[in-house]
PDB file of N, CA and C in Angstrom:
ATOM      1  N   UNK A   1      66.516 -27.951-138.309  1.00  0.00           N
ATOM      2  CA  UNK A   1      67.041 -29.469-138.484  1.00  0.00           C
ATOM      3  C   UNK A   1      68.540 -29.122-138.828  1.00  0.00           C
ATOM      4  N   UNK A   2      68.753 -28.307-139.851  1.00  0.00           N
ATOM      5  CA  UNK A   2      70.159 -28.119-140.102  1.00  0.00           C
ATOM      6  C   UNK A   2      71.028 -27.610-139.031  1.00  0.00           C
ATOM      7  N   UNK A   3      70.424 -26.519-138.190  1.00  0.00           N
ATOM      8  CA  UNK A   3      71.316 -26.180-137.027  1.00  0.00           C
ATOM      9  C   UNK A   3      71.566 -27.383-136.173  1.00  0.00           C
ATOM     10  N   UNK A   4      70.649 -28.250-135.986  1.00  0.00           N
ATOM     11  CA  UNK A   4      70.914 -29.301-134.863  1.00  0.00           C
ATOM     12  C   UNK A   4      72.011 -30.254-135.757  1.00  0.00           C
ATOM     13  N   UNK A   5      71.901 -30.549-136.895  1.00  0.00           N
ATOM     14  CA  UNK A   5      72.835 -31.465-137.617  1.00  0.00           C
ATOM     15  C   UNK A   5      74.256 -30.680-137.589  1.00  0.00           C
ATOM     16  N   UNK A   6      74.301 -29.573-137.771  1.00  0.00           N
ATOM     17  CA  UNK A   6      75.676 -28.896-137.665  1.00  0.00           C
ATOM     18  C   UNK A   6      76.066 -28.827-136.292  1.00  0.00           C
ATOM     19  N   UNK A   7      75.502 -28.545-135.263  1.00  0.00           N
ATOM     20  CA  UNK A   7      75.860 -28.632-133.938  1.00  0.00           C
ATOM     21  C   UNK A   7      76.327 -30.013-133.548  1.00  0.00           C
ATOM     22  N   UNK A   8      75.677 -31.161-133.974  1.00  0.00           N
ATOM     23  CA  UNK A   8      76.264 -32.414-133.849  1.00  0.00           C
ATOM     24  C   UNK A   8      77.381 -32.875-134.467  1.00  0.00           C
ATOM     25  N   UNK A   9      77.665 -32.296-135.570  1.00  0.00           N
ATOM     26  CA  UNK A   9      78.708 -32.433-136.404  1.00  0.00           C
ATOM     27  C   UNK A   9      80.009 -31.752-135.774  1.00  0.00           C
ATOM     28  N   UNK A  10      79.621 -30.514-135.380  1.00  0.00           N
ATOM     29  CA  UNK A  10      80.682 -29.686-134.672  1.00  0.00           C
ATOM     30  C   UNK A  10      81.241 -30.491-133.266  1.00  0.00           C
ATOM     31  N   UNK A  11      80.100 -30.952-132.576  1.00  0.00           N
ATOM     32  CA  UNK A  11      80.568 -31.709-131.357  1.00  0.00           C
ATOM     33  C   UNK A  11      81.119 -32.813-131.632  1.00  0.00           C
ATOM     34  N   UNK A  12      80.727 -33.862-132.452  1.00  0.00           N
ATOM     35  CA  UNK A  12      81.580 -35.056-132.846  1.00  0.00           C
ATOM     36  C   UNK A  12      82.896 -34.673-133.418  1.00  0.00           C
ATOM     37  N   UNK A  13      83.165 -33.774-134.245  1.00  0.00           N
ATOM     38  CA  UNK A  13      84.487 -33.407-134.626  1.00  0.00           C
ATOM     39  C   UNK A  13      85.420 -32.774-133.579  1.00  0.00           C
ATOM     40  N   UNK A  14      84.935 -31.942-132.583  1.00  0.00           N
ATOM     41  CA  UNK A  14      85.467 -31.694-131.417  1.00  0.00           C
ATOM     42  C   UNK A  14      85.986 -32.728-130.593  1.00  0.00           C
ATOM     43  N   UNK A  15      85.305 -33.606-130.432  1.00  0.00           N
ATOM     44  CA  UNK A  15      85.379 -34.765-129.717  1.00  0.00           C
ATOM     45  C   UNK A  15      86.556 -35.672-130.138  1.00  0.00           C
ATOM     46  N   UNK A  16      86.488 -35.818-131.678  1.00  0.00           N
ATOM     47  CA  UNK A  16      87.402 -36.707-132.413  1.00  0.00           C
ATOM     48  C   UNK A  16      88.788 -36.000-132.013  1.00  0.00           C
ATOM     49  N   UNK A  17      88.865 -34.786-132.253  1.00  0.00           N
ATOM     50  CA  UNK A  17      90.190 -34.016-132.312  1.00  0.00           C
ATOM     51  C   UNK A  17      90.799 -33.735-130.959  1.00  0.00           C
ATOM     52  N   UNK A  18      90.126 -33.941-129.998  1.00  0.00           N
ATOM     53  CA  UNK A  18      90.733 -33.825-128.721  1.00  0.00           C
ATOM     54  C   UNK A  18      91.950 -34.846-128.443  1.00  0.00           C
ATOM     55  N   UNK A  19      92.961 -33.807-127.647  1.00  0.00           N
ATOM     56  CA  UNK A  19      94.091 -34.650-127.531  1.00  0.00           C
ATOM     57  C   UNK A  19      94.531 -34.508-126.026  1.00  0.00           C
ATOM     58  N   UNK A  20      93.699 -34.512-125.032  1.00  0.00           N
ATOM     59  CA  UNK A  20      93.961 -34.126-123.700  1.00  0.00           C
ATOM     60  C   UNK A  20      94.592 -35.481-123.264  1.00  0.00           C
ATOM     61  N   UNK A  21      93.948 -36.684-123.544  1.00  0.00           N
ATOM     62  CA  UNK A  21      94.502 -38.028-122.965  1.00  0.00           C
ATOM     63  C   UNK A  21      95.467 -38.461-123.259  1.00  0.00           C
ATOM     64  N   UNK A  22      96.155 -37.733-124.578  1.00  0.00           N
ATOM     65  CA  UNK A  22      97.190 -38.327-125.236  1.00  0.00           C
ATOM     66  C   UNK A  22      98.409 -38.489-124.507  1.00  0.00           C
ATOM     67  N   UNK A  23      98.752 -37.464-123.640  1.00  0.00           N
ATOM     68  CA  UNK A  23      99.986 -37.277-122.859  1.00  0.00           C
ATOM     69  C   UNK A  23      99.962 -38.416-121.913  1.00  0.00           C
ATOM     70  N   UNK A  24      98.746 -38.822-121.324  1.00  0.00           N
ATOM     71  CA  UNK A  24      98.692 -39.720-120.239  1.00  0.00           C
ATOM     72  C   UNK A  24      99.080 -41.042-120.832  1.00  0.00           C
ATOM     73  N   UNK A  25      98.616 -41.292-122.071  1.00  0.00           N
ATOM     74  CA  UNK A  25      98.815 -42.613-122.712  1.00  0.00           C
ATOM     75  C   UNK A  25     100.516 -42.803-122.964  1.00  0.00           C
ATOM     76  N   UNK A  26     101.123 -41.704-123.426  1.00  0.00           N
ATOM     77  CA  UNK A  26     102.506 -41.749-123.612  1.00  0.00           C
ATOM     78  C   UNK A  26     103.370 -42.095-122.668  1.00  0.00           C
ATOM     79  N   UNK A  27     102.803 -41.229-121.357  1.00  0.00           N
ATOM     80  CA  UNK A  27     103.544 -41.298-120.181  1.00  0.00           C
ATOM     81  C   UNK A  27     103.189 -42.829-119.571  1.00  0.00           C
ATOM     82  N   UNK A  28     102.167 -43.370-119.777  1.00  0.00           N
ATOM     83  CA  UNK A  28     102.005 -44.659-119.154  1.00  0.00           C
ATOM     84  C   UNK A  28     102.732 -45.644-120.146  1.00  0.00           C
ATOM     85  N   UNK A  29     102.955 -45.483-121.334  1.00  0.00           N
ATOM     86  CA  UNK A  29     103.720 -46.353-122.364  1.00  0.00           C
ATOM     87  C   UNK A  29     105.245 -46.297-121.814  1.00  0.00           C
ATOM     88  N   UNK A  30     105.858 -45.119-121.501  1.00  0.00           N
ATOM     89  CA  UNK A  30     107.180 -44.904-120.930  1.00  0.00           C
ATOM     90  C   UNK A  30     107.386 -45.600-119.656  1.00  0.00           C
ATOM     91  N   UNK A  31     106.517 -45.550-118.754  1.00  0.00           N
ATOM     92  CA  UNK A  31     106.718 -46.439-117.477  1.00  0.00           C
ATOM     93  C   UNK A  31     106.762 -47.509-117.755  1.00  0.00           C
ATOM     94  N   UNK A  32     105.829 -48.264-118.637  1.00  0.00           N
ATOM     95  CA  UNK A  32     105.700 -49.626-118.820  1.00  0.00           C
ATOM     96  C   UNK A  32     107.161 -50.219-119.440  1.00  0.00           C
ATOM     97  N   UNK A  33     107.758 -49.327-120.266  1.00  0.00           N
ATOM     98  CA  UNK A  33     108.960 -49.994-121.017  1.00  0.00           C
ATOM     99  C   UNK A  33     109.967 -49.672-119.927  1.00  0.00           C
ATOM    100  N   UNK A  34     110.019 -48.779-119.149  1.00  0.00           N
ATOM    101  CA  UNK A  34     111.105 -48.548-117.881  1.00  0.00           C
ATOM    102  C   UNK A  34     110.693 -49.942-117.162  1.00  0.00           C
ATOM    103  N   UNK A  35     109.611 -50.167-116.685  1.00  0.00           N
ATOM    104  CA  UNK A  35     109.322 -51.346-115.731  1.00  0.00           C
ATOM    105  C   UNK A  35     109.825 -52.554-116.343  1.00  0.00           C
ATOM    106  N   UNK A  36     109.544 -52.864-117.543  1.00  0.00           N
ATOM    107  CA  UNK A  36     110.099 -54.024-118.355  1.00  0.00           C
ATOM    108  C   UNK A  36     111.485 -54.125-118.450  1.00  0.00           C
ATOM    109  N   UNK A  37     112.024 -53.168-118.727  1.00  0.00           N
ATOM    110  CA  UNK A  37     113.568 -52.867-118.456  1.00  0.00           C
ATOM    111  C   UNK A  37     114.019 -53.333-117.337  1.00  0.00           C
ATOM    112  N   UNK A  38     113.619 -52.783-116.286  1.00  0.00           N
ATOM    113  CA  UNK A  38     114.029 -52.883-114.742  1.00  0.00           C
ATOM    114  C   UNK A  38     113.563 -54.500-114.268  1.00  0.00           C
ATOM    115  N   UNK A  39     112.653 -55.000-114.740  1.00  0.00           N
ATOM    116  CA  UNK A  39     112.302 -56.482-114.447  1.00  0.00           C
ATOM    117  C   UNK A  39     113.304 -57.297-115.148  1.00  0.00           C
ATOM    118  N   UNK A  40     113.788 -56.982-116.499  1.00  0.00           N
ATOM    119  CA  UNK A  40     114.456 -58.030-116.953  1.00  0.00           C
ATOM    120  C   UNK A  40     116.053 -57.679-116.370  1.00  0.00           C
ATOM    121  N   UNK A  41     116.337 -56.496-116.058  1.00  0.00           N
ATOM    122  CA  UNK A  41     117.671 -56.303-115.393  1.00  0.00           C
ATOM    123  C   UNK A  41     117.786 -56.987-113.854  1.00  0.00           C
ATOM    124  N   UNK A  42     116.763 -57.044-113.276  1.00  0.00           N
ATOM    125  CA  UNK A  42     116.629 -57.500-112.078  1.00  0.00           C
ATOM    126  C   UNK A  42     117.104 -58.981-112.033  1.00  0.00           C
ATOM    127  N   UNK A  43     116.815 -59.827-113.003  1.00  0.00           N
ATOM    128  CA  UNK A  43     117.108 -61.324-113.030  1.00  0.00           C
ATOM    129  C   UNK A  43     118.761 -61.476-113.193  1.00  0.00           C
ATOM    130  N   UNK A  44     119.275 -60.560-113.932  1.00  0.00           N
ATOM    131  CA  UNK A  44     120.758 -60.728-114.175  1.00  0.00           C
ATOM    132  C   UNK A  44     121.455 -60.274-112.898  1.00  0.00           C
ATOM    133  N   UNK A  45     120.848 -59.257-112.321  1.00  0.00           N
ATOM    134  CA  UNK A  45     121.608 -58.500-111.155  1.00  0.00           C
ATOM    135  C   UNK A  45     121.296 -59.501-110.004  1.00  0.00           C
ATOM    136  N   UNK A  46     120.299 -60.216-109.800  1.00  0.00           N
ATOM    137  CA  UNK A  46     120.022 -61.097-108.607  1.00  0.00           C
ATOM    138  C   UNK A  46     121.022 -62.463-108.716  1.00  0.00           C
ATOM    139  N   UNK A  47     121.237 -62.559-110.089  1.00  0.00           N
ATOM    140  CA  UNK A  47     122.243 -63.768-110.039  1.00  0.00           C
ATOM    141  C   UNK A  47     123.710 -63.411-109.863  1.00  0.00           C
ATOM    142  N   UNK A  48     124.048 -62.190-110.165  1.00  0.00           N
ATOM    143  CA  UNK A  48     125.256 -61.634-109.695  1.00  0.00           C
ATOM    144  C   UNK A  48     125.443 -61.443-108.333  1.00  0.00           C
ATOM    145  N   UNK A  49     124.552 -60.921-107.552  1.00  0.00           N
ATOM    146  CA  UNK A  49     124.594 -60.909-106.228  1.00  0.00           C
ATOM    147  C   UNK A  49     124.605 -62.255-105.493  1.00  0.00           C
ATOM    148  N   UNK A  50     123.826 -63.159-106.036  1.00  0.00           N
ATOM    149  CA  UNK A  50     123.768 -64.511-105.442  1.00  0.00           C
ATOM    150  C   UNK A  50     125.292 -65.206-105.683  1.00  0.00           C
ATOM    151  N   UNK A  51     125.847 -64.861-106.807  1.00  0.00           N
ATOM    152  CA  UNK A  51     127.205 -65.135-107.004  1.00  0.00           C
ATOM    153  C   UNK A  51     128.148 -64.959-105.832  1.00  0.00           C
ATOM    154  N   UNK A  52     127.996 -63.459-105.861  1.00  0.00           N
ATOM    155  CA  UNK A  52     128.989 -62.915-104.990  1.00  0.00           C
ATOM    156  C   UNK A  52     128.889 -63.192-103.468  1.00  0.00           C
ATOM    157  N   UNK A  53     127.466 -63.469-103.018  1.00  0.00           N
ATOM    158  CA  UNK A  53     127.545 -64.082-101.799  1.00  0.00           C
ATOM    159  C   UNK A  53     128.029 -65.425-101.544  1.00  0.00           C
ATOM    160  N   UNK A  54     127.804 -66.385-102.650  1.00  0.00           N
ATOM    161  CA  UNK A  54     128.295 -67.758-102.690  1.00  0.00           C
ATOM    162  C   UNK A  54     129.893 -67.544-102.406  1.00  0.00           C
ATOM    163  N   UNK A  55     130.609 -66.607-103.055  1.00  0.00           N
ATOM    164  CA  UNK A  55     131.895 -66.339-102.971  1.00  0.00           C
ATOM    165  C   UNK A  55     132.387 -66.070-101.495  1.00  0.00           C
ATOM    166  N   UNK A  56     131.516 -65.297-100.993  1.00  0.00           N
ATOM    167  CA  UNK A  56     132.018 -64.752 -99.702  1.00  0.00           C
ATOM    168  C   UNK A  56     131.739 -66.051 -98.741  1.00  0.00           C
ATOM    169  N   UNK A  57     130.573 -66.702 -99.000  1.00  0.00           N
ATOM    170  CA  UNK A  57     130.515 -67.911 -98.060  1.00  0.00           C
ATOM    171  C   UNK A  57     131.720 -68.859 -98.374  1.00  0.00           C
ATOM    172  N   UNK A  58     132.149 -69.208 -99.515  1.00  0.00           N
ATOM    173  CA  UNK A  58     133.045 -70.084 -99.468  1.00  0.00           C
ATOM    174  C   UNK A  58     134.427 -69.583 -98.790  1.00  0.00           C
ATOM    175  N   UNK A  59     134.742 -68.248 -99.037  1.00  0.00           N
ATOM    176  CA  UNK A  59     136.029 -67.615 -98.347  1.00  0.00           C
ATOM    177  C   UNK A  59     135.956 -67.879 -97.040  1.00  0.00           C
ATOM    178  N   UNK A  60     134.797 -67.480 -96.244  1.00  0.00           N
ATOM    179  CA  UNK A  60     134.538 -67.529 -95.017  1.00  0.00           C
ATOM    180  C   UNK A  60     134.919 -68.933 -94.534  1.00  0.00           C
ATOM    181  N   UNK A  61     134.183 -69.931 -95.039  1.00  0.00           N
ATOM    182  CA  UNK A  61     134.121 -71.290 -94.659  1.00  0.00           C
ATOM    183  C   UNK A  61     135.769 -71.784 -94.629  1.00  0.00           C
ATOM    184  N   UNK A  62     136.320 -71.322 -95.610  1.00  0.00           N
ATOM    185  CA  UNK A  62     137.867 -71.829 -95.945  1.00  0.00           C
ATOM    186  C   UNK A  62     138.724 -71.352 -94.869  1.00  0.00           C
ATOM    187  N   UNK A  63     138.390 -69.962 -94.612  1.00  0.00           N
ATOM    188  CA  UNK A  63     139.109 -69.434 -93.438  1.00  0.00           C
ATOM    189  C   UNK A  63     138.928 -69.804 -92.120  1.00  0.00           C
ATOM    190  N   UNK A  64     137.604 -70.169 -91.908  1.00  0.00           N
ATOM    191  CA  UNK A  64     137.149 -70.682 -90.566  1.00  0.00           C
ATOM    192  C   UNK A  64     137.787 -72.189 -90.332  1.00  0.00           C
ATOM    193  N   UNK A  65     137.573 -73.069 -91.361  1.00  0.00           N
ATOM    194  CA  UNK A  65     137.800 -74.392 -91.283  1.00  0.00           C
ATOM    195  C   UNK A  65     139.100 -75.020 -91.274  1.00  0.00           C
TER     196      UNK A  65
END
Protein backbone atom coordinates (compact mmCIF):
# COMPACT_ATOMS: atom_id res chain seq x y z
CA UNK A 1 0.00 0.00 0.00
CA UNK A 2 2.86 2.36 0.84
CA UNK A 3 4.45 1.70 -2.56
CA UNK A 4 1.24 2.66 -4.32
CA UNK A 5 0.92 5.87 -2.27
CA UNK A 6 4.55 6.72 -2.93
CA UNK A 7 4.13 6.16 -6.69
CA UNK A 8 0.99 8.31 -6.74
CA UNK A 9 2.76 11.06 -4.80
CA UNK A 10 5.72 11.02 -7.20
CA UNK A 11 3.43 11.09 -10.25
CA UNK A 12 1.41 14.02 -8.89
CA UNK A 13 4.57 15.90 -7.91
CA UNK A 14 6.08 15.38 -11.38
CA UNK A 15 2.86 16.52 -13.03
CA UNK A 16 2.71 19.72 -10.97
CA UNK A 17 6.39 20.57 -11.54
CA UNK A 18 6.31 20.12 -15.34
CA UNK A 19 7.07 23.34 -17.22
CA UNK A 20 6.64 22.16 -20.81
CA UNK A 21 3.56 24.26 -21.58
CA UNK A 22 4.90 27.39 -19.90
CA UNK A 23 6.81 28.58 -22.98
CA UNK A 24 3.72 28.30 -25.14
CA UNK A 25 1.73 30.46 -22.73
CA UNK A 26 4.47 33.09 -22.64
CA UNK A 27 4.65 33.23 -26.45
CA UNK A 28 0.86 33.52 -26.65
CA UNK A 29 0.93 36.47 -24.24
CA UNK A 30 3.64 38.21 -26.27
CA UNK A 31 1.65 37.72 -29.48
CA UNK A 32 -1.50 39.05 -27.79
CA UNK A 33 0.32 42.17 -26.57
CA UNK A 34 1.78 42.81 -30.02
CA UNK A 35 -1.66 42.34 -31.60
CA UNK A 36 -3.24 44.80 -29.18
CA UNK A 37 -0.52 47.35 -29.92
CA UNK A 38 -0.99 46.88 -33.65
CA UNK A 39 -4.75 47.30 -33.37
CA UNK A 40 -4.34 50.47 -31.32
CA UNK A 41 -1.80 51.85 -33.79
CA UNK A 42 -3.93 51.06 -36.84
CA UNK A 43 -6.63 53.50 -35.75
CA UNK A 44 -4.16 56.37 -35.65
CA UNK A 45 -2.52 55.28 -38.91
CA UNK A 46 -5.88 55.00 -40.68
CA UNK A 47 -6.81 58.53 -39.60
CA UNK A 48 -3.50 59.90 -40.91
CA UNK A 49 -3.86 58.09 -44.26
CA UNK A 50 -7.43 59.35 -44.60
CA UNK A 51 -6.24 62.89 -43.93
CA UNK A 52 -3.49 62.56 -46.57
CA UNK A 53 -5.98 61.37 -49.19
CA UNK A 54 -8.31 64.26 -48.32
CA UNK A 55 -5.45 66.70 -48.89
CA UNK A 56 -4.59 65.08 -52.23
CA UNK A 57 -8.25 65.19 -53.26
CA UNK A 58 -8.52 68.86 -52.34
CA UNK A 59 -5.34 69.73 -54.23
CA UNK A 60 -6.48 67.87 -57.35
CA UNK A 61 -9.93 69.46 -57.24
CA UNK A 62 -8.37 72.91 -56.99
CA UNK A 63 -5.93 72.26 -59.84
CA UNK A 64 -8.56 70.85 -62.19
CA UNK A 65 -11.39 73.25 -61.29
